[in-house]
Amino acid sequence: MPRLYLFAEGQTEQTFADTVLKPYLANLGLYLQPPVLIAHARKKGRVHRGGGRKYVPMKNDILERLAQEKGRDVFFTTMIDLYAIPAEFPGLVAAQTLRHMPYKRVEALEQAFANDIDDDRVVPYIQLHEYEAYLFSDPTCFRYFYDHHEKQIAELKTIADGKATPELINDGQHSAPSKRIIKELPDYEDAKPTIGPQMAELIGLDVIRGKCPHFAAWLAQLENLSGKIG
């Protein structure tokens, strides 16, 4: 069975990958290794993980694992946010001209990332604009976690209904998907690693991929990995 390593920006993505993606991909014949948080620093020989705010430690972490795993049946992917992406990320300056075209911008950054890593076993994925966009695929599922917050959840649904896709909810400091959720449901800020993945599980991968084209394209790439062997 082919194996997949996933480097996650934060605990929310890490748990989502482990509890939602892993069993789904296993049914397709692709084994997802325990997802790891991406490196953001290395001090005194110790790797510090999570956050994704520095590109070089992340790149070196991926390159190190690539060097350890030489097999053609081993693949690698990422779950990092376009929101607050590291300033030194490859291709970021050139992609600024595409800010008005979010899908072309994120695709250009993923290609620059792939070129920099330079290994065809890597499937770079940058979330547009962050993980919480997926939860806007059906914000009514927040009812399972927040009783008596119908007004706030209705506001989140209004935000979702106002966009062609949740992936187009912008990346402003106060208007990114997570910021909008926290504005209405402040407790979510500390509960993200728990509620975020559970929300996605309630909503379901089929609904999320139907509402989020960039996520859907990435998931399709992962689904096809087993066919690349041989």
Protein backbone atom coordinates (compact mmCIF):
# COMPACT_ATOMS: atom_id res chain seq x y z
CA MET A 1 0.00 0.00 0.00
CA PRO A 2 1.43 3.43 -0.93
CA ARG A 3 2.12 5.78 1.97
CA LEU A 4 1.50 9.49 2.38
CA TYR A 5 3.19 11.94 4.74
CA LEU A 6 1.25 15.09 5.57
CA PHE A 7 2.78 18.22 7.08
CA ALA A 8 0.10 20.25 8.87
CA GLU A 9 0.27 23.91 9.83
CA GLY A 10 -1.55 23.48 13.13
CA GLN A 11 -3.27 21.04 15.43
CA THR A 12 -6.64 21.59 13.75
CA GLU A 13 -5.32 20.41 10.39
CA GLN A 14 -3.35 17.64 12.05
CA THR A 15 -6.46 16.25 13.75
CA PHE A 16 -8.60 16.70 10.62
CA ALA A 17 -6.07 14.73 8.59
CA ASP A 18 -5.86 11.97 11.18
CA THR A 19 -9.58 11.57 11.91
CA VAL A 20 -11.22 12.50 8.61
CA LEU A 21 -8.71 12.11 5.76
CA LYS A 22 -6.88 9.04 7.02
CA PRO A 23 -9.83 6.60 7.09
CA TYR A 24 -11.15 7.98 3.80
CA LEU A 25 -7.83 7.51 2.00
CA ALA A 26 -7.30 4.08 3.58
CA ASN A 27 -10.47 2.89 1.87
CA LEU A 28 -8.88 3.92 -1.41
CA GLY A 29 -5.67 2.02 -0.75
CA LEU A 30 -3.52 4.93 0.44
CA TYR A 31 -2.07 4.85 3.94
CA LEU A 32 -1.69 8.23 5.62
CA GLN A 33 1.17 8.21 8.12
CA PRO A 34 0.45 10.01 11.42
CA PRO A 35 0.30 13.68 10.31
CA VAL A 36 3.05 15.87 11.71
CA LEU A 37 3.12 19.58 12.48
CA ILE A 38 5.43 21.48 10.17
CA ALA A 39 8.68 22.81 11.59
CA HIS A 40 8.99 26.52 12.29
CA ALA A 41 12.42 26.56 13.94
CA ARG A 42 15.39 24.44 14.91
CA LYS A 43 17.28 25.43 18.06
CA LYS A 44 20.12 23.52 19.68
CA GLY A 45 19.31 20.51 17.55
CA ARG A 46 15.66 20.47 18.54
CA VAL A 47 12.89 20.97 15.97
CA HIS A 48 10.03 23.23 17.05
CA ARG A 49 6.77 22.50 15.26
CA GLY A 50 3.46 24.17 14.46
CA GLY A 51 2.54 27.63 13.26
CA GLY A 52 4.04 27.67 9.79
CA ARG A 53 5.29 31.24 9.94
CA LYS A 54 8.81 30.55 8.62
CA TYR A 55 9.47 28.94 5.26
CA VAL A 56 13.06 27.71 5.53
CA PRO A 57 12.53 25.41 8.56
CA MET A 58 9.43 24.02 6.86
CA LYS A 59 11.32 23.37 3.64
CA ASN A 60 14.26 21.76 5.43
CA ASP A 61 11.90 19.53 7.41
CA ILE A 62 10.27 18.27 4.23
CA LEU A 63 13.62 17.80 2.46
CA GLU A 64 14.92 15.79 5.40
CA ARG A 65 11.95 13.41 5.24
CA LEU A 66 12.29 13.14 1.46
CA ALA A 67 15.91 12.09 1.92
CA GLN A 68 14.90 9.46 4.47
CA GLU A 69 12.13 8.02 2.28
CA LYS A 70 13.45 7.26 -1.19
CA GLY A 71 10.69 4.91 -2.33
CA ARG A 72 8.51 5.69 -5.32
CA ASP A 73 5.51 4.47 -3.34
CA VAL A 74 5.91 7.23 -0.73
CA PHE A 75 4.27 10.63 -1.22
CA PHE A 76 4.17 13.92 0.63
CA THR A 77 1.69 16.74 0.98
CA THR A 78 1.02 19.83 3.06
CA MET A 79 -1.85 21.69 4.68
CA ILE A 80 -0.70 25.28 5.13
CA ASP A 81 -2.68 28.53 5.02
CA LEU A 82 -2.56 31.20 2.37
CA TYR A 83 -3.65 33.51 5.18
CA ALA A 84 -0.51 35.00 6.78
CA ILE A 85 1.77 32.89 4.59
CA PRO A 86 5.49 33.42 5.40
CA ALA A 87 6.97 36.51 3.78
CA GLU A 88 9.88 34.50 2.34
CA PHE A 89 7.63 31.88 0.69
CA PRO A 90 8.78 31.18 -2.89
CA GLY A 91 6.92 33.11 -5.56
CA LEU A 92 5.07 35.29 -3.07
CA VAL A 93 6.17 38.61 -4.54
CA ALA A 94 5.30 37.61 -8.10
CA ALA A 95 1.93 36.25 -6.97
CA GLN A 96 0.96 39.62 -5.51
CA THR A 97 -0.16 40.63 -8.99
CA LEU A 98 -2.79 37.87 -8.76
CA ARG A 99 -4.40 38.96 -5.47
CA HIS A 100 -7.63 39.74 -7.35
CA MET A 101 -7.66 36.16 -8.67
CA PRO A 102 -7.34 33.98 -5.53
CA TYR A 103 -7.37 30.64 -7.32
CA LYS A 104 -4.67 31.61 -9.80
CA ARG A 105 -2.65 33.13 -6.97
CA VAL A 106 -2.72 30.04 -4.78
CA GLU A 107 -1.99 27.77 -7.75
CA ALA A 108 1.02 29.92 -8.68
CA LEU A 109 2.32 29.68 -5.11
CA GLU A 110 1.87 25.91 -5.04
CA GLN A 111 3.80 25.63 -8.29
CA ALA A 112 6.59 27.83 -6.93
CA PHE A 113 6.63 25.66 -3.80
CA ALA A 114 6.84 22.48 -5.92
CA ASN A 115 9.66 23.96 -8.00
CA ASP A 116 11.60 24.87 -4.86
CA ILE A 117 11.24 21.41 -3.29
CA ASP A 118 11.89 19.74 -6.67
CA ASP A 119 10.56 16.25 -6.02
CA ASP A 120 7.63 14.90 -8.03
CA ARG A 121 6.41 12.85 -5.06
CA VAL A 122 5.33 16.06 -3.31
CA VAL A 123 1.78 17.38 -3.69
CA PRO A 124 1.89 20.94 -2.32
CA TYR A 125 -1.39 22.21 -0.92
CA ILE A 126 -2.04 25.71 0.34
CA GLN A 127 -5.46 26.27 1.91
CA LEU A 128 -7.47 29.09 0.44
CA HIS A 129 -7.45 31.03 2.68
CA GLU A 130 -7.34 28.85 5.80
CA TYR A 131 -8.84 25.70 7.30
CA GLU A 132 -11.93 27.43 8.72
CA ALA A 133 -13.16 28.11 5.18
CA TYR A 134 -14.27 24.47 5.07
CA LEU A 135 -16.58 25.03 8.02
CA PHE A 136 -18.51 27.63 6.04
CA SER A 137 -19.57 24.78 3.74
CA ASP A 138 -22.34 24.25 6.29
CA PRO A 139 -22.06 26.57 9.32
CA THR A 140 -25.38 25.29 10.66
CA CYS A 141 -23.39 22.34 12.06
CA PHE A 142 -22.12 24.72 14.75
CA ARG A 143 -25.48 24.07 16.43
CA TYR A 144 -24.11 20.75 17.66
CA PHE A 145 -21.54 22.60 19.74
CA TYR A 146 -23.17 25.93 20.56
CA ASP A 147 -26.69 25.76 21.96
CA HIS A 148 -28.74 28.95 22.03
CA HIS A 149 -26.54 30.71 19.46
CA GLU A 150 -29.02 30.67 16.58
CA LYS A 151 -28.53 34.35 15.78
CA GLN A 152 -24.75 34.02 15.60
CA ILE A 153 -24.91 30.86 13.50
CA ALA A 154 -27.43 32.50 11.19
CA GLU A 155 -24.92 35.33 10.70
CA LEU A 156 -22.24 32.82 9.72
CA LYS A 157 -24.66 31.23 7.25
CA THR A 158 -25.38 34.64 5.76
CA ILE A 159 -21.64 35.13 5.23
CA ALA A 160 -21.41 31.73 3.53
CA ASP A 161 -24.43 32.41 1.35
CA GLY A 162 -22.86 35.66 0.20
CA LYS A 163 -19.93 33.89 -1.48
CA ALA A 164 -19.84 31.58 -4.47
CA THR A 165 -17.53 29.35 -2.41
CA PRO A 166 -16.25 29.54 1.18
CA GLU A 167 -12.73 29.63 -0.27
CA LEU A 168 -13.42 33.21 -1.39
CA ILE A 169 -13.97 34.48 2.14
CA ASN A 170 -11.04 36.85 2.25
CA ASP A 171 -7.80 36.84 4.20
CA GLY A 172 -8.08 40.16 6.01
CA GLN A 173 -6.76 40.43 9.55
CA HIS A 174 -10.30 40.71 10.92
CA SER A 175 -12.27 39.11 8.10
CA ALA A 176 -10.54 35.79 7.47
CA PRO A 177 -12.81 32.74 8.03
CA SER A 178 -11.53 31.98 11.53
CA LYS A 179 -11.83 35.63 12.57
CA ARG A 180 -15.45 35.74 11.42
CA ILE A 181 -16.27 32.58 13.38
CA ILE A 182 -14.56 33.87 16.52
CA LYS A 183 -16.41 37.17 16.24
CA GLU A 184 -19.73 35.33 16.47
CA LEU A 185 -18.60 32.41 18.64
CA PRO A 186 -15.65 33.64 20.76
CA ASP A 187 -15.19 30.28 22.49
CA TYR A 188 -14.17 28.75 19.19
CA GLU A 189 -10.74 30.40 19.42
CA ASP A 190 -9.58 28.05 22.17
CA ALA A 191 -11.60 25.10 20.89
CA LYS A 192 -10.35 25.11 17.28
CA PRO A 193 -8.25 21.92 17.47
CA THR A 194 -11.25 20.01 18.85
CA ILE A 195 -14.32 21.55 17.26
CA GLY A 196 -12.72 22.35 13.88
CA PRO A 197 -12.12 18.71 12.88
CA GLN A 198 -15.42 17.54 14.40
CA MET A 199 -17.26 20.18 12.37
CA ALA A 200 -15.62 18.93 9.19
CA GLU A 201 -16.60 15.37 10.03
CA LEU A 202 -20.22 16.44 10.59
CA ILE A 203 -20.32 18.41 7.35
CA GLY A 204 -18.69 15.57 5.43
CA LEU A 205 -15.98 15.46 2.78
CA ASP A 206 -18.52 15.28 -0.06
CA VAL A 207 -20.13 18.57 0.97
CA ILE A 208 -16.79 20.30 1.57
CA ARG A 209 -15.35 19.25 -1.77
CA GLY A 210 -18.58 20.29 -3.47
CA LYS A 211 -18.34 23.77 -1.99
CA CYS A 212 -14.54 24.24 -2.08
CA PRO A 213 -13.01 23.69 -5.56
CA HIS A 214 -9.37 24.10 -4.52
CA PHE A 215 -9.79 21.59 -1.70
CA ALA A 216 -11.59 19.28 -4.13
CA ALA A 217 -8.71 19.44 -6.63
CA TRP A 218 -6.21 18.56 -3.89
CA LEU A 219 -8.31 15.67 -2.63
CA ALA A 220 -8.58 14.34 -6.18
CA GLN A 221 -4.78 14.42 -6.46
CA LEU A 222 -4.47 12.41 -3.26
CA GLU A 223 -7.07 9.92 -4.47
CA ASN A 224 -5.02 9.34 -7.62
CA LEU A 225 -1.68 8.75 -5.90
CA SER A 226 -1.98 4.98 -5.74
CA GLY A 227 -2.28 4.90 -9.53
CA LYS A 228 1.15 6.52 -9.91
CA ILE A 229 3.00 3.45 -8.66
CA GLY A 230 4.68 1.26 -11.17
